[in-house]
């Protein structure tokens, strides 16, 4: 059953709530705040998902580590071009701020996303690169992020002179 769409005011409120976490994480680690906000919108259904409400996980971050706190939930994945439902262990965070910081540090330090970090100063290109690096199984993931970023003017939240490749510019 589809949820009732949020009003523009509710959407603006969500963006205003998560933007400071995204900007602080971007300042510390480099991945653009605009992409973090777009991912939070998309992955958490504007903060309404069970995962974001119960585990402060706004990005669908999974875990296989035994010492991580987690919540197990059904999720949809695209495997060999087909959407299937699977159960997965998602990381549980103590706070939304911790989630945003963990995500930014992980993206900035993971070899898998090194090519994306080369474009951390351009949110639209960065969104395309993380998708190309395999961030999500949805083949339309980058397009969805870019549409959200453009529609809601999320690049306005990116700092001029953002970090690139983990170091100051």
Protein backbone atom coordinates (compact mmCIF):
# COMPACT_ATOMS: atom_id res chain seq x y z
CA UNK A 1 0.00 0.00 0.00
CA UNK A 2 1.47 3.32 -1.08
CA UNK A 3 1.85 6.05 1.46
CA UNK A 4 0.22 9.41 1.06
CA UNK A 5 2.67 11.80 -0.61
CA UNK A 6 4.18 14.46 1.61
CA UNK A 7 3.20 18.07 1.12
CA UNK A 8 5.88 20.45 -0.15
CA UNK A 9 6.07 21.91 3.38
CA UNK A 10 6.66 18.44 4.85
CA UNK A 11 9.34 17.77 2.25
CA UNK A 12 11.07 21.06 3.08
CA UNK A 13 10.91 20.19 6.78
CA UNK A 14 12.58 16.82 6.20
CA UNK A 15 15.32 18.44 4.12
CA UNK A 16 15.85 21.11 6.81
CA UNK A 17 16.13 18.37 9.44
CA UNK A 18 18.69 16.19 7.65
CA UNK A 19 20.71 18.94 5.91
CA UNK A 20 22.83 19.84 8.96
CA UNK A 21 23.84 16.18 9.42
CA UNK A 22 24.66 15.86 5.72
CA UNK A 23 26.65 19.10 5.70
CA UNK A 24 28.62 18.22 8.84
CA UNK A 25 29.47 14.79 7.42
CA UNK A 26 30.48 16.37 4.09
CA UNK A 27 32.74 18.83 5.87
CA UNK A 28 34.45 16.00 7.78
CA UNK A 29 34.77 13.44 4.99
CA UNK A 30 34.01 14.93 1.57
CA UNK A 31 31.03 13.22 -0.09
CA UNK A 32 28.60 15.99 -1.12
CA UNK A 33 25.74 16.87 1.21
CA UNK A 34 23.37 17.09 -1.76
CA UNK A 35 23.80 13.40 -2.53
CA UNK A 36 23.42 12.42 1.13
CA UNK A 37 20.15 14.33 1.34
CA UNK A 38 18.85 12.83 -1.92
CA UNK A 39 19.81 9.34 -0.76
CA UNK A 40 18.11 9.91 2.59
CA UNK A 41 14.94 11.00 0.78
CA UNK A 42 14.99 8.04 -1.57
CA UNK A 43 16.22 5.32 0.79
CA UNK A 44 14.11 6.30 3.82
CA UNK A 45 10.97 7.56 2.07
CA UNK A 46 11.44 11.01 3.55
CA UNK A 47 12.30 9.56 6.97
CA UNK A 48 9.12 7.49 7.12
CA UNK A 49 10.68 4.04 6.68
CA UNK A 50 10.77 1.58 9.56
CA UNK A 51 14.56 1.37 9.15
CA UNK A 52 15.09 5.12 9.54
CA UNK A 53 12.65 5.42 12.44
CA UNK A 54 13.77 2.35 14.39
CA UNK A 55 17.47 2.11 13.51
CA UNK A 56 18.39 5.71 12.48
CA UNK A 57 19.52 4.17 9.17
CA UNK A 58 18.57 6.57 6.37
CA UNK A 59 20.61 4.87 3.63
CA UNK A 60 19.77 1.17 3.72
CA UNK A 61 23.26 0.41 5.03
CA UNK A 62 23.63 -3.32 5.49
CA UNK A 63 26.05 -5.15 7.74
CA UNK A 64 27.60 -8.58 7.91
CA UNK A 65 29.85 -7.81 10.88
CA UNK A 66 29.02 -9.79 14.00
CA UNK A 67 29.78 -6.90 16.37
CA UNK A 68 27.53 -4.34 14.63
CA UNK A 69 24.09 -3.64 16.02
CA UNK A 70 21.54 -4.54 13.36
CA UNK A 71 17.90 -4.90 12.49
CA UNK A 72 16.76 -7.64 10.09
CA UNK A 73 14.11 -6.65 7.56
CA UNK A 74 12.78 -7.71 4.16
CA UNK A 75 14.08 -5.65 1.26
CA UNK A 76 13.82 -5.61 -2.50
CA UNK A 77 16.95 -6.15 -4.60
CA UNK A 78 17.45 -6.24 -8.35
CA UNK A 79 19.32 -9.46 -9.16
CA UNK A 80 19.96 -10.46 -12.77
CA UNK A 81 17.43 -7.85 -13.87
CA UNK A 82 14.65 -9.18 -11.65
CA UNK A 83 13.31 -7.56 -8.50
CA UNK A 84 13.26 -10.04 -5.64
CA UNK A 85 12.51 -9.77 -1.95
CA UNK A 86 15.22 -10.91 0.46
CA UNK A 87 15.85 -10.58 4.19
CA UNK A 88 18.89 -8.53 5.10
CA UNK A 89 20.69 -7.30 8.20
CA UNK A 90 20.76 -3.52 8.27
CA UNK A 91 23.08 -1.59 10.49
CA UNK A 92 21.51 0.12 13.51
CA UNK A 93 22.88 3.54 14.48
CA UNK A 94 22.61 5.37 17.80
CA UNK A 95 21.51 8.58 16.09
CA UNK A 96 20.84 10.02 12.64
CA UNK A 97 24.03 12.10 12.96
CA UNK A 98 26.06 8.92 13.50
CA UNK A 99 24.45 7.39 10.41
CA UNK A 100 25.28 10.36 8.17
CA UNK A 101 28.87 10.51 9.47
CA UNK A 102 29.42 6.76 9.10
CA UNK A 103 28.12 6.82 5.51
CA UNK A 104 30.33 9.76 4.52
CA UNK A 105 33.47 8.25 6.05
CA UNK A 106 32.75 4.87 4.46
CA UNK A 107 32.27 6.40 1.00
CA UNK A 108 35.36 8.59 1.38
CA UNK A 109 37.66 5.78 2.49
CA UNK A 110 36.37 2.78 0.53
CA UNK A 111 38.47 1.78 -2.49
CA UNK A 112 35.23 0.83 -4.19
CA UNK A 113 34.13 4.49 -4.31
CA UNK A 114 37.51 6.12 -5.01
CA UNK A 115 36.47 7.07 -8.56
CA UNK A 116 33.34 8.72 -7.19
CA UNK A 117 35.38 10.75 -4.68
CA UNK A 118 37.29 12.26 -7.60
CA UNK A 119 34.01 14.10 -8.34
CA UNK A 120 32.99 15.06 -4.79
CA UNK A 121 32.88 18.71 -5.88
CA UNK A 122 29.98 17.97 -8.28
CA UNK A 123 27.01 16.27 -6.67
CA UNK A 124 25.33 15.26 -9.92
CA UNK A 125 28.45 13.55 -11.25
CA UNK A 126 29.17 12.03 -7.84
CA UNK A 127 25.67 10.50 -7.73
CA UNK A 128 26.28 8.90 -11.13
CA UNK A 129 29.69 7.59 -10.05
CA UNK A 130 28.52 5.94 -6.81
CA UNK A 131 25.83 4.16 -8.81
CA UNK A 132 28.42 3.01 -11.35
CA UNK A 133 30.56 1.72 -8.46
CA UNK A 134 27.64 -0.46 -7.35
CA UNK A 135 26.09 1.51 -4.48
CA UNK A 136 22.59 0.18 -5.24
CA UNK A 137 21.13 -2.63 -7.32
CA UNK A 138 18.44 -0.36 -8.84
CA UNK A 139 19.56 0.45 -12.41
CA UNK A 140 17.71 3.79 -12.18
CA UNK A 141 19.34 4.82 -8.89
CA UNK A 142 21.55 7.65 -10.21
CA UNK A 143 18.71 9.14 -12.25
CA UNK A 144 16.42 9.14 -9.21
CA UNK A 145 19.08 10.84 -7.07
CA UNK A 146 19.77 13.50 -9.71
CA UNK A 147 16.07 14.21 -10.16
CA UNK A 148 15.65 14.73 -6.40
CA UNK A 149 18.77 16.91 -6.26
CA UNK A 150 17.52 19.10 -9.10
CA UNK A 151 13.86 19.29 -8.04
CA UNK A 152 14.67 20.23 -4.43
CA UNK A 153 17.76 22.39 -5.19
CA UNK A 154 19.90 20.15 -2.98
CA UNK A 155 23.19 21.35 -4.50
CA UNK A 156 22.55 24.56 -2.53
CA UNK A 157 23.58 22.54 0.55
CA UNK A 158 27.02 21.68 -0.87
CA UNK A 159 29.94 23.66 0.46
CA UNK A 160 32.06 25.50 -2.02
CA UNK A 161 35.55 24.05 -1.72
CA UNK A 162 34.41 20.63 -0.50
CA UNK A 163 37.02 18.03 0.32
CA UNK A 164 38.24 15.89 -2.53
CA UNK A 165 39.86 12.48 -2.12
CA UNK A 166 39.64 12.82 1.65
CA UNK A 167 41.84 15.92 1.89
CA UNK A 168 41.27 19.68 1.95
CA UNK A 169 41.26 21.57 -1.31
